[in-house]
Amino acid sequence: MSGAAGIADDFGVLIGRLWAAADSAEVARVLGEGARKLVGADGITLVLRAGALCHYVDEDAIGPLWKGRYFPLESCISGWTMLQRQQVAIADVFKDARIPQDAYRPTFVKSLVMSPIRRRDPVGALGAYWRERREASEAELGALQALADASANAIARQRRSVSAADARILLAATPAAAAPLRQALAVTADVHFADAPETALEAFRSRSPDLLVVGYHFDHARPYRLVRAVRELDPQVPILLVRALPLSGVDSRDAQIRDAYNALGVDQYLVLDEASVRRGESGNRAVLLAAVRELLDRAA
């Protein structure tokens, strides 16, 4: 069903279901069931931002699109929509330089509308696709953006619910430091370990962690390069820097180091007693987990 009359029929019901949705999975179901019919589209995708990447979370379409795949923000139209914070309508995808031609050529898509989810600070995008070259109507554009706006509520609510128990944590540390830190972080179901800057950045891009934990002596002394690179990829992901020192080793320089890392983009600089870390004492685990929970809550 297309045109203003058809859009008006089901629009209010869809908006209500999206506002009430519990998570992104339910958002995808609602969009798949109703949005295609609402605007006469041949396909709908739900795309979520994952750091510097776009994650095609779900789709409902007449043919396969990109469900489950990740693309850099700069190389796809959903990323363009998020970065520019604006809706885009493309009548012929093969005549637009923003479209990755190799990704679209095997699909049925000839035209599309991509709408940002949460326009002020996009967390994703809603894609609508047609197998014919066509200009989207003003009514269709307005309806799709309204659906994307309503989807933002459930997606933001789901992101706020991330806790230490189900967070994806990337731990970048030397092998010697990693063992006690991994033990302390064992409360979470998903801790990925990287022992080199290159593997840490690769893991960050592919896994889109909720939190980055960095050992102070990572990367031959200090993890400046990793923190800078991560902040260029994702200005929002929380970064926790952990430094283990003898109790007698904390001096006036420590405040200067803390300030320098905070300026670089570290959200929290945590100093633990070196000897008790090696012994695996529960006090350090409690301190570390408290810092993890605080950063995840703050990011919500």
C-alpha atoms as a PDB file:
ATOM      1  CA  MET A   1       0.000   0.000   0.000  1.00  0.00           C
ATOM      2  CA  SER A   2       1.490   3.372  -0.976  1.00  0.00           C
ATOM      3  CA  GLY A   3       0.404   6.990  -1.086  1.00  0.00           C
ATOM      4  CA  ALA A   4      -0.896   9.275   1.620  1.00  0.00           C
ATOM      5  CA  ALA A   5      -4.175   7.407   2.203  1.00  0.00           C
ATOM      6  CA  GLY A   6      -2.529   4.024   2.706  1.00  0.00           C
ATOM      7  CA  ILE A   7       0.134   5.471   4.963  1.00  0.00           C
ATOM      8  CA  ALA A   8      -2.465   7.122   7.176  1.00  0.00           C
ATOM      9  CA  ASP A   9      -4.378   3.849   7.707  1.00  0.00           C
ATOM     10  CA  ASP A  10      -1.722   1.902   9.606  1.00  0.00           C
ATOM     11  CA  PHE A  11       0.683   4.614  10.653  1.00  0.00           C
ATOM     12  CA  GLY A  12      -0.596   5.180  14.201  1.00  0.00           C
ATOM     13  CA  VAL A  13      -0.636   1.461  15.011  1.00  0.00           C
ATOM     14  CA  LEU A  14       2.963   1.002  13.853  1.00  0.00           C
ATOM     15  CA  ILE A  15       4.217   4.023  15.778  1.00  0.00           C
ATOM     16  CA  GLY A  16       2.572   2.740  18.953  1.00  0.00           C
ATOM     17  CA  ARG A  17       4.113  -0.713  18.567  1.00  0.00           C
ATOM     18  CA  LEU A  18       7.567   0.770  18.005  1.00  0.00           C
ATOM     19  CA  TRP A  19       7.351   3.004  21.071  1.00  0.00           C
ATOM     20  CA  ALA A  20       6.364  -0.020  23.150  1.00  0.00           C
ATOM     21  CA  ALA A  21       9.046  -2.349  21.712  1.00  0.00           C
ATOM     22  CA  ALA A  22      11.360  -3.872  24.325  1.00  0.00           C
ATOM     23  CA  ASP A  23      14.518  -4.150  22.232  1.00  0.00           C
ATOM     24  CA  SER A  24      16.009  -3.977  18.738  1.00  0.00           C
ATOM     25  CA  ALA A  25      14.814  -7.506  17.904  1.00  0.00           C
ATOM     26  CA  GLU A  26      11.205  -6.455  18.484  1.00  0.00           C
ATOM     27  CA  VAL A  27      11.809  -3.246  16.513  1.00  0.00           C
ATOM     28  CA  ALA A  28      12.997  -5.390  13.593  1.00  0.00           C
ATOM     29  CA  ARG A  29       9.891  -7.598  13.815  1.00  0.00           C
ATOM     30  CA  VAL A  30       7.523  -4.631  13.857  1.00  0.00           C
ATOM     31  CA  LEU A  31       9.261  -2.966  10.929  1.00  0.00           C
ATOM     32  CA  GLY A  32       9.339  -6.190   8.953  1.00  0.00           C
ATOM     33  CA  GLU A  33       5.636  -6.816   9.534  1.00  0.00           C
ATOM     34  CA  GLY A  34       4.382  -3.288   8.908  1.00  0.00           C
ATOM     35  CA  ALA A  35       6.826  -0.844   7.354  1.00  0.00           C
ATOM     36  CA  ARG A  36       7.126  -2.623   3.996  1.00  0.00           C
ATOM     37  CA  LYS A  37       3.357  -2.636   3.582  1.00  0.00           C
ATOM     38  CA  LEU A  38       3.064   0.937   4.794  1.00  0.00           C
ATOM     39  CA  VAL A  39       5.299   2.397   2.081  1.00  0.00           C
ATOM     40  CA  GLY A  40       5.081  -0.344  -0.534  1.00  0.00           C
ATOM     41  CA  ALA A  41       8.759  -1.244  -0.175  1.00  0.00           C
ATOM     42  CA  ASP A  42      10.321  -4.462  -1.436  1.00  0.00           C
ATOM     43  CA  GLY A  43      12.707  -4.571   1.496  1.00  0.00           C
ATOM     44  CA  ILE A  44      13.403  -3.070   4.921  1.00  0.00           C
ATOM     45  CA  THR A  45      16.649  -3.203   6.923  1.00  0.00           C
ATOM     46  CA  LEU A  46      17.458  -2.244  10.501  1.00  0.00           C
ATOM     47  CA  VAL A  47      21.042  -0.985  10.789  1.00  0.00           C
ATOM     48  CA  LEU A  48      22.718  -0.187  14.122  1.00  0.00           C
ATOM     49  CA  ARG A  49      25.883   1.800  14.652  1.00  0.00           C
ATOM     50  CA  ALA A  50      28.714  -0.295  16.132  1.00  0.00           C
ATOM     51  CA  GLY A  51      31.557   2.124  16.775  1.00  0.00           C
ATOM     52  CA  ALA A  52      33.067   2.977  13.383  1.00  0.00           C
ATOM     53  CA  LEU A  53      30.942   0.306  11.694  1.00  0.00           C
ATOM     54  CA  CYS A  54      27.381  -0.198  10.488  1.00  0.00           C
ATOM     55  CA  HIS A  55      25.817  -3.504  11.564  1.00  0.00           C
ATOM     56  CA  TYR A  56      22.945  -4.759   9.395  1.00  0.00           C
ATOM     57  CA  VAL A  57      21.027  -6.379  12.229  1.00  0.00           C
ATOM     58  CA  ASP A  58      17.889  -7.593  10.477  1.00  0.00           C
ATOM     59  CA  GLU A  59      15.947  -7.393   7.247  1.00  0.00           C
ATOM     60  CA  ASP A  60      12.626  -8.259   5.641  1.00  0.00           C
ATOM     61  CA  ALA A  61      12.893  -8.325   1.862  1.00  0.00           C
ATOM     62  CA  ILE A  62      12.010 -10.144  -1.356  1.00  0.00           C
ATOM     63  CA  GLY A  63      15.651 -11.202  -1.700  1.00  0.00           C
ATOM     64  CA  PRO A  64      18.777 -11.391   0.478  1.00  0.00           C
ATOM     65  CA  LEU A  65      20.466  -8.124   1.420  1.00  0.00           C
ATOM     66  CA  TRP A  66      23.188  -7.762   4.076  1.00  0.00           C
ATOM     67  CA  LYS A  67      21.812  -9.206   7.327  1.00  0.00           C
ATOM     68  CA  GLY A  68      24.582  -9.888   9.856  1.00  0.00           C
ATOM     69  CA  ARG A  69      27.270  -8.006   7.951  1.00  0.00           C
ATOM     70  CA  TYR A  70      29.378  -5.049   9.082  1.00  0.00           C
ATOM     71  CA  PHE A  71      30.559  -2.166   6.900  1.00  0.00           C
ATOM     72  CA  PRO A  72      32.668   0.937   7.708  1.00  0.00           C
ATOM     73  CA  LEU A  73      30.517   4.016   8.292  1.00  0.00           C
ATOM     74  CA  GLU A  74      32.308   5.872   5.505  1.00  0.00           C
ATOM     75  CA  SER A  75      31.655   3.222   2.852  1.00  0.00           C
ATOM     76  CA  CYS A  76      27.891   2.725   2.914  1.00  0.00           C
ATOM     77  CA  ILE A  77      24.779   4.861   2.658  1.00  0.00           C
ATOM     78  CA  SER A  78      23.534   3.921   6.131  1.00  0.00           C
ATOM     79  CA  GLY A  79      26.805   5.252   7.561  1.00  0.00           C
ATOM     80  CA  TRP A  80      26.437   8.441   5.508  1.00  0.00           C
ATOM     81  CA  THR A  81      22.958   8.926   6.951  1.00  0.00           C
ATOM     82  CA  MET A  82      24.260   8.504  10.521  1.00  0.00           C
ATOM     83  CA  LEU A  83      27.281  10.758  10.045  1.00  0.00           C
ATOM     84  CA  GLN A  84      25.260  13.485   8.293  1.00  0.00           C
ATOM     85  CA  ARG A  85      22.263  13.064  10.638  1.00  0.00           C
ATOM     86  CA  GLN A  86      19.815  13.329   7.767  1.00  0.00           C
ATOM     87  CA  GLN A  87      17.484  11.255   5.645  1.00  0.00           C
ATOM     88  CA  VAL A  88      18.449  10.491   2.059  1.00  0.00           C
ATOM     89  CA  ALA A  89      16.343   9.293  -0.884  1.00  0.00           C
ATOM     90  CA  ILE A  90      18.088   7.827  -3.944  1.00  0.00           C
ATOM     91  CA  ALA A  91      16.023   7.169  -7.072  1.00  0.00           C
ATOM     92  CA  ASP A  92      18.780   5.193  -8.850  1.00  0.00           C
ATOM     93  CA  VAL A  93      21.411   3.555  -6.651  1.00  0.00           C
ATOM     94  CA  PHE A  94      23.738   2.960  -9.597  1.00  0.00           C
ATOM     95  CA  LYS A  95      24.011   6.675 -10.333  1.00  0.00           C
ATOM     96  CA  ASP A  96      24.957   7.782  -6.818  1.00  0.00           C
ATOM     97  CA  ALA A  97      28.612   7.885  -5.743  1.00  0.00           C
ATOM     98  CA  ARG A  98      27.694   7.258  -2.099  1.00  0.00           C
ATOM     99  CA  ILE A  99      26.468   3.743  -2.908  1.00  0.00           C
ATOM    100  CA  PRO A 100      29.010   0.856  -2.736  1.00  0.00           C
ATOM    101  CA  GLN A 101      28.246  -0.593  -6.156  1.00  0.00           C
ATOM    102  CA  ASP A 102      29.791  -4.010  -5.516  1.00  0.00           C
ATOM    103  CA  ALA A 103      27.558  -4.540  -2.474  1.00  0.00           C
ATOM    104  CA  TYR A 104      24.365  -3.547  -4.319  1.00  0.00           C
ATOM    105  CA  ARG A 105      24.936  -5.194  -7.708  1.00  0.00           C
ATOM    106  CA  PRO A 106      23.965  -8.744  -6.566  1.00  0.00           C
ATOM    107  CA  THR A 107      20.730  -7.496  -4.932  1.00  0.00           C
ATOM    108  CA  PHE A 108      17.324  -6.492  -6.263  1.00  0.00           C
ATOM    109  CA  VAL A 109      17.726  -2.886  -5.050  1.00  0.00           C
ATOM    110  CA  LYS A 110      17.319  -0.085  -7.589  1.00  0.00           C
ATOM    111  CA  SER A 111      16.148   2.760  -5.320  1.00  0.00           C
ATOM    112  CA  LEU A 112      16.082   3.440  -1.589  1.00  0.00           C
ATOM    113  CA  VAL A 113      15.359   5.714   1.342  1.00  0.00           C
ATOM    114  CA  MET A 114      17.670   5.678   4.381  1.00  0.00           C
ATOM    115  CA  SER A 115      16.506   7.406   7.580  1.00  0.00           C
ATOM    116  CA  PRO A 116      18.600   8.074  10.701  1.00  0.00           C
ATOM    117  CA  ILE A 117      17.447   6.581  13.993  1.00  0.00           C
ATOM    118  CA  ARG A 118      17.688   9.330  16.663  1.00  0.00           C
ATOM    119  CA  ARG A 119      18.586  12.283  14.451  1.00  0.00           C
ATOM    120  CA  ARG A 120      20.402  14.385  17.069  1.00  0.00           C
ATOM    121  CA  ASP A 121      22.953  11.594  17.670  1.00  0.00           C
ATOM    122  CA  PRO A 122      22.178   8.611  15.425  1.00  0.00           C
ATOM    123  CA  VAL A 123      22.406   5.090  16.852  1.00  0.00           C
ATOM    124  CA  GLY A 124      21.317   3.468  13.619  1.00  0.00           C
ATOM    125  CA  ALA A 125      19.352   3.777  10.398  1.00  0.00           C
ATOM    126  CA  LEU A 126      16.189   2.422   8.798  1.00  0.00           C
ATOM    127  CA  GLY A 127      16.564   1.391   5.160  1.00  0.00           C
ATOM    128  CA  ALA A 128      13.675   0.985   2.703  1.00  0.00           C
ATOM    129  CA  TYR A 129      14.359  -0.496  -0.755  1.00  0.00           C
ATOM    130  CA  TRP A 130      12.541  -0.916  -4.062  1.00  0.00           C
ATOM    131  CA  ARG A 131      13.278  -3.139  -7.065  1.00  0.00           C
ATOM    132  CA  GLU A 132      12.327  -0.320  -9.456  1.00  0.00           C
ATOM    133  CA  ARG A 133      13.884   3.085  -9.984  1.00  0.00           C
ATOM    134  CA  ARG A 134      11.497   5.550  -8.376  1.00  0.00           C
ATOM    135  CA  GLU A 135      11.207   8.822  -6.498  1.00  0.00           C
ATOM    136  CA  ALA A 136       9.884   8.454  -2.942  1.00  0.00           C
ATOM    137  CA  SER A 137       6.875  10.616  -2.160  1.00  0.00           C
ATOM    138  CA  GLU A 138       6.852  13.226   0.585  1.00  0.00           C
ATOM    139  CA  ALA A 139       4.324  11.104   2.488  1.00  0.00           C
ATOM    140  CA  GLU A 140       6.622   8.063   2.306  1.00  0.00           C
ATOM    141  CA  LEU A 141       9.651  10.091   3.409  1.00  0.00           C
ATOM    142  CA  GLY A 142       7.746  11.516   6.371  1.00  0.00           C
ATOM    143  CA  ALA A 143       6.403   8.113   7.411  1.00  0.00           C
ATOM    144  CA  LEU A 144       9.805   6.411   7.230  1.00  0.00           C
ATOM    145  CA  GLN A 145      11.488   9.128   9.300  1.00  0.00           C
ATOM    146  CA  ALA A 146       8.712   8.946  11.872  1.00  0.00           C
ATOM    147  CA  LEU A 147       9.182   5.160  12.101  1.00  0.00           C
ATOM    148  CA  ALA A 148      12.927   5.638  12.553  1.00  0.00           C
ATOM    149  CA  ASP A 149      12.311   8.221  15.284  1.00  0.00           C
ATOM    150  CA  ALA A 150       9.941   5.860  17.105  1.00  0.00           C
ATOM    151  CA  SER A 151      12.472   3.003  16.846  1.00  0.00           C
ATOM    152  CA  ALA A 152      15.052   5.068  18.714  1.00  0.00           C
ATOM    153  CA  ASN A 153      13.180   4.701  22.002  1.00  0.00           C
ATOM    154  CA  ALA A 154      13.507   0.901  22.165  1.00  0.00           C
ATOM    155  CA  ILE A 155      17.070   0.833  20.875  1.00  0.00           C
ATOM    156  CA  ALA A 156      18.230   3.432  23.409  1.00  0.00           C
ATOM    157  CA  ARG A 157      16.427   1.537  26.177  1.00  0.00           C
ATOM    158  CA  GLN A 158      18.214  -1.679  25.194  1.00  0.00           C
ATOM    159  CA  ARG A 159      21.619   0.046  25.192  1.00  0.00           C
ATOM    160  CA  ARG A 160      21.002   1.453  28.647  1.00  0.00           C
ATOM    161  CA  SER A 161      20.400  -2.071  29.945  1.00  0.00           C
ATOM    162  CA  VAL A 162      23.965  -3.291  29.222  1.00  0.00           C
ATOM    163  CA  SER A 163      25.483  -4.486  32.508  1.00  0.00           C
ATOM    164  CA  ALA A 164      28.769  -6.006  33.598  1.00  0.00           C
ATOM    165  CA  ALA A 165      27.146  -9.432  33.334  1.00  0.00           C
ATOM    166  CA  ASP A 166      26.453  -9.210  29.586  1.00  0.00           C
ATOM    167  CA  ALA A 167      28.835  -6.501  28.352  1.00  0.00           C
ATOM    168  CA  ARG A 168      31.325  -7.162  25.574  1.00  0.00           C
ATOM    169  CA  ILE A 169      34.732  -6.180  26.993  1.00  0.00           C
ATOM    170  CA  LEU A 170      37.958  -5.887  25.034  1.00  0.00           C
ATOM    171  CA  LEU A 171      41.029  -6.299  27.263  1.00  0.00           C
ATOM    172  CA  ALA A 172      44.288  -4.975  25.808  1.00  0.00           C
ATOM    173  CA  ALA A 173      47.210  -5.882  28.069  1.00  0.00           C
ATOM    174  CA  THR A 174      50.553  -7.633  28.199  1.00  0.00           C
ATOM    175  CA  PRO A 175      50.280 -11.392  28.815  1.00  0.00           C
ATOM    176  CA  ALA A 176      51.677 -10.938  32.336  1.00  0.00           C
ATOM    177  CA  ALA A 177      49.048  -8.351  33.237  1.00  0.00           C
ATOM    178  CA  ALA A 178      46.222 -10.062  31.414  1.00  0.00           C
ATOM    179  CA  ALA A 179      45.843 -13.093  33.683  1.00  0.00           C
ATOM    180  CA  PRO A 180      44.813 -11.268  36.887  1.00  0.00           C
ATOM    181  CA  LEU A 181      42.697  -8.773  34.944  1.00  0.00           C
ATOM    182  CA  ARG A 182      40.872 -11.541  33.092  1.00  0.00           C
ATOM    183  CA  GLN A 183      40.262 -13.305  36.384  1.00  0.00           C
ATOM    184  CA  ALA A 184      38.811 -10.142  37.868  1.00  0.00           C
ATOM    185  CA  LEU A 185      36.591  -9.590  34.815  1.00  0.00           C
ATOM    186  CA  ALA A 186      35.362 -13.180  34.722  1.00  0.00           C
ATOM    187  CA  VAL A 187      31.940 -12.025  35.893  1.00  0.00           C
ATOM    188  CA  THR A 188      31.191 -10.976  32.318  1.00  0.00           C
ATOM    189  CA  ALA A 189      30.375 -13.587  29.692  1.00  0.00           C
ATOM    190  CA  ASP A 190      32.416 -11.963  26.921  1.00  0.00           C
ATOM    191  CA  VAL A 191      35.995 -10.797  27.539  1.00  0.00           C
ATOM    192  CA  HIS A 192      38.222 -10.752  24.473  1.00  0.00           C
ATOM    193  CA  PHE A 193      41.986 -10.504  25.026  1.00  0.00           C
ATOM    194  CA  ALA A 194      44.459  -8.762  22.705  1.00  0.00           C
ATOM    195  CA  ASP A 195      48.202  -8.507  23.395  1.00  0.00           C
ATOM    196  CA  ALA A 196      49.302  -6.197  20.549  1.00  0.00           C
ATOM    197  CA  PRO A 197      48.061  -2.829  19.185  1.00  0.00           C
ATOM    198  CA  GLU A 198      47.282  -4.297  15.773  1.00  0.00           C
ATOM    199  CA  THR A 199      45.214  -7.188  17.134  1.00  0.00           C
ATOM    200  CA  ALA A 200      43.502  -4.886  19.627  1.00  0.00           C
ATOM    201  CA  LEU A 201      42.399  -2.490  16.878  1.00  0.00           C
ATOM    202  CA  GLU A 202      41.277  -5.361  14.670  1.00  0.00           C
ATOM    203  CA  ALA A 203      39.244  -6.799  17.556  1.00  0.00           C
ATOM    204  CA  PHE A 204      37.777  -3.376  18.312  1.00  0.00           C
ATOM    205  CA  ARG A 205      36.582  -2.973  14.722  1.00  0.00           C
ATOM    206  CA  SER A 206      35.149  -6.473  14.435  1.00  0.00           C
ATOM    207  CA  ARG A 207      33.645  -6.942  17.916  1.00  0.00           C
ATOM    208  CA  SER A 208      32.362  -3.417  18.719  1.00  0.00           C
ATOM    209  CA  PRO A 209      32.924  -3.793  22.470  1.00  0.00           C
ATOM    210  CA  ASP A 210      30.848  -2.010  25.095  1.00  0.00           C
ATOM    211  CA  LEU A 211      34.029  -1.235  27.070  1.00  0.00           C
ATOM    212  CA  LEU A 212      37.778  -1.151  26.414  1.00  0.00           C
ATOM    213  CA  VAL A 213      40.054  -2.040  29.346  1.00  0.00           C
ATOM    214  CA  VAL A 214      43.731  -1.219  28.765  1.00  0.00           C
ATOM    215  CA  GLY A 215      46.717  -2.228  30.859  1.00  0.00           C
ATOM    216  CA  TYR A 216      49.062   0.710  31.470  1.00  0.00           C
ATOM    217  CA  HIS A 217      52.173  -1.182  30.304  1.00  0.00           C
ATOM    218  CA  PHE A 218      50.533  -2.354  27.097  1.00  0.00           C
ATOM    219  CA  ASP A 219      52.481  -1.635  23.883  1.00  0.00           C
ATOM    220  CA  HIS A 220      56.040  -1.425  25.214  1.00  0.00           C
ATOM    221  CA  ALA A 221      55.336   1.065  28.011  1.00  0.00           C
ATOM    222  CA  ARG A 222      52.254   3.228  27.466  1.00  0.00           C
ATOM    223  CA  PRO A 223      49.164   2.683  25.317  1.00  0.00           C
ATOM    224  CA  TYR A 224      49.058   6.144  23.721  1.00  0.00           C
ATOM    225  CA  ARG A 225      48.695   4.835  20.187  1.00  0.00           C
ATOM    226  CA  LEU A 226      45.854   2.465  20.966  1.00  0.00           C
ATOM    227  CA  VAL A 227      43.815   5.046  22.886  1.00  0.00           C
ATOM    228  CA  ARG A 228      44.266   7.619  20.104  1.00  0.00           C
ATOM    229  CA  ALA A 229      43.289   5.142  17.394  1.00  0.00           C
ATOM    230  CA  VAL A 230      40.211   3.952  19.299  1.00  0.00           C
ATOM    231  CA  ARG A 231      39.071   7.501  19.957  1.00  0.00           C
ATOM    232  CA  GLU A 232      39.316   8.259  16.243  1.00  0.00           C
ATOM    233  CA  LEU A 233      37.128   5.231  15.509  1.00  0.00           C
ATOM    234  CA  ASP A 234      34.622   5.776  18.309  1.00  0.00           C
ATOM    235  CA  PRO A 235      34.468   8.942  20.453  1.00  0.00           C
ATOM    236  CA  GLN A 236      31.844   7.377  22.757  1.00  0.00           C
ATOM    237  CA  VAL A 237      33.020   3.901  23.865  1.00  0.00           C
ATOM    238  CA  PRO A 238      34.170   3.939  27.521  1.00  0.00           C
ATOM    239  CA  ILE A 239      37.903   3.385  28.076  1.00  0.00           C
ATOM    240  CA  LEU A 240      39.282   2.193  31.419  1.00  0.00           C
ATOM    241  CA  LEU A 241      43.047   2.387  31.938  1.00  0.00           C
ATOM    242  CA  VAL A 242      44.363   0.110  34.700  1.00  0.00           C
ATOM    243  CA  ARG A 243      47.765   0.670  36.280  1.00  0.00           C
ATOM    244  CA  ALA A 244      49.279  -1.625  38.913  1.00  0.00           C
ATOM    245  CA  LEU A 245      51.843  -0.023  41.228  1.00  0.00           C
ATOM    246  CA  PRO A 246      53.530  -0.912  44.509  1.00  0.00           C
ATOM    247  CA  LEU A 247      51.877   0.953  47.354  1.00  0.00           C
ATOM    248  CA  SER A 248      55.049   3.011  47.660  1.00  0.00           C
ATOM    249  CA  GLY A 249      55.112   3.761  43.921  1.00  0.00           C
ATOM    250  CA  VAL A 250      52.287   6.300  43.739  1.00  0.00           C
ATOM    251  CA  ASP A 251      53.804   9.763  43.665  1.00  0.00           C
ATOM    252  CA  SER A 252      53.111  13.260  42.377  1.00  0.00           C
ATOM    253  CA  ARG A 253      53.755  12.151  38.788  1.00  0.00           C
ATOM    254  CA  ASP A 254      50.739   9.907  38.919  1.00  0.00           C
ATOM    255  CA  ALA A 255      48.375  12.883  38.890  1.00  0.00           C
ATOM    256  CA  GLN A 256      50.130  14.231  35.795  1.00  0.00           C
ATOM    257  CA  ILE A 257      49.830  10.856  34.072  1.00  0.00           C
ATOM    258  CA  ARG A 258      46.152  10.678  34.964  1.00  0.00           C
ATOM    259  CA  ASP A 259      45.513  14.146  33.525  1.00  0.00           C
ATOM    260  CA  ALA A 260      47.409  13.330  30.336  1.00  0.00           C
ATOM    261  CA  TYR A 261      45.376  10.185  29.704  1.00  0.00           C
ATOM    262  CA  ASN A 262      42.110  11.898  30.523  1.00  0.00           C
ATOM    263  CA  ALA A 263      42.962  14.543  27.931  1.00  0.00           C
ATOM    264  CA  LEU A 264      43.716  11.776  25.429  1.00  0.00           C
ATOM    265  CA  GLY A 265      40.280  10.252  25.877  1.00  0.00           C
ATOM    266  CA  VAL A 266      40.500   7.788  28.771  1.00  0.00           C
ATOM    267  CA  ASP A 267      37.312   7.888  30.852  1.00  0.00           C
ATOM    268  CA  GLN A 268      38.764   6.419  34.038  1.00  0.00           C
ATOM    269  CA  TYR A 269      42.329   5.870  35.260  1.00  0.00           C
ATOM    270  CA  LEU A 270      42.458   3.188  37.927  1.00  0.00           C
ATOM    271  CA  VAL A 271      45.500   2.443  40.107  1.00  0.00           C
ATOM    272  CA  LEU A 272      45.626  -0.939  41.870  1.00  0.00           C
ATOM    273  CA  ASP A 273      48.147  -2.377  44.326  1.00  0.00           C
ATOM    274  CA  GLU A 274      50.577  -4.480  42.292  1.00  0.00           C
ATOM    275  CA  ALA A 275      51.199  -7.163  44.907  1.00  0.00           C
ATOM    276  CA  SER A 276      47.535  -7.761  45.672  1.00  0.00           C
ATOM    277  CA  VAL A 277      46.715  -7.891  41.950  1.00  0.00           C
ATOM    278  CA  ARG A 278      49.242 -10.691  41.507  1.00  0.00           C
ATOM    279  CA  ARG A 279      47.749 -12.551  44.448  1.00  0.00           C
ATOM    280  CA  GLY A 280      44.281 -12.192  42.954  1.00  0.00           C
ATOM    281  CA  GLU A 281      42.820 -10.590  46.072  1.00  0.00           C
ATOM    282  CA  SER A 282      39.090  -9.990  46.009  1.00  0.00           C
ATOM    283  CA  GLY A 283      39.422  -6.323  46.980  1.00  0.00           C
ATOM    284  CA  ASN A 284      41.005  -5.465  43.645  1.00  0.00           C
ATOM    285  CA  ARG A 285      38.370  -7.439  41.782  1.00  0.00           C
ATOM    286  CA  ALA A 286      35.662  -5.481  43.557  1.00  0.00           C
ATOM    287  CA  VAL A 287      37.308  -2.151  42.717  1.00  0.00           C
ATOM    288  CA  LEU A 288      37.767  -3.124  39.066  1.00  0.00           C
ATOM    289  CA  LEU A 289      34.196  -4.355  38.690  1.00  0.00           C
ATOM    290  CA  ALA A 290      32.859  -1.215  40.346  1.00  0.00           C
ATOM    291  CA  ALA A 291      34.758   0.865  37.774  1.00  0.00           C
ATOM    292  CA  VAL A 292      33.395  -1.292  34.948  1.00  0.00           C
ATOM    293  CA  ARG A 293      29.810  -0.919  36.182  1.00  0.00           C
ATOM    294  CA  GLU A 294      30.209   2.837  36.624  1.00  0.00           C
ATOM    295  CA  LEU A 295      31.506   3.314  33.076  1.00  0.00           C
ATOM    296  CA  LEU A 296      28.768   1.166  31.550  1.00  0.00           C
ATOM    297  CA  ASP A 297      26.104   3.069  33.501  1.00  0.00           C
ATOM    298  CA  ARG A 298      27.618   6.391  32.508  1.00  0.00           C
ATOM    299  CA  ALA A 299      27.628   5.399  28.841  1.00  0.00           C
ATOM    300  CA  ALA A 300      23.914   4.547  28.924  1.00  0.00           C
END
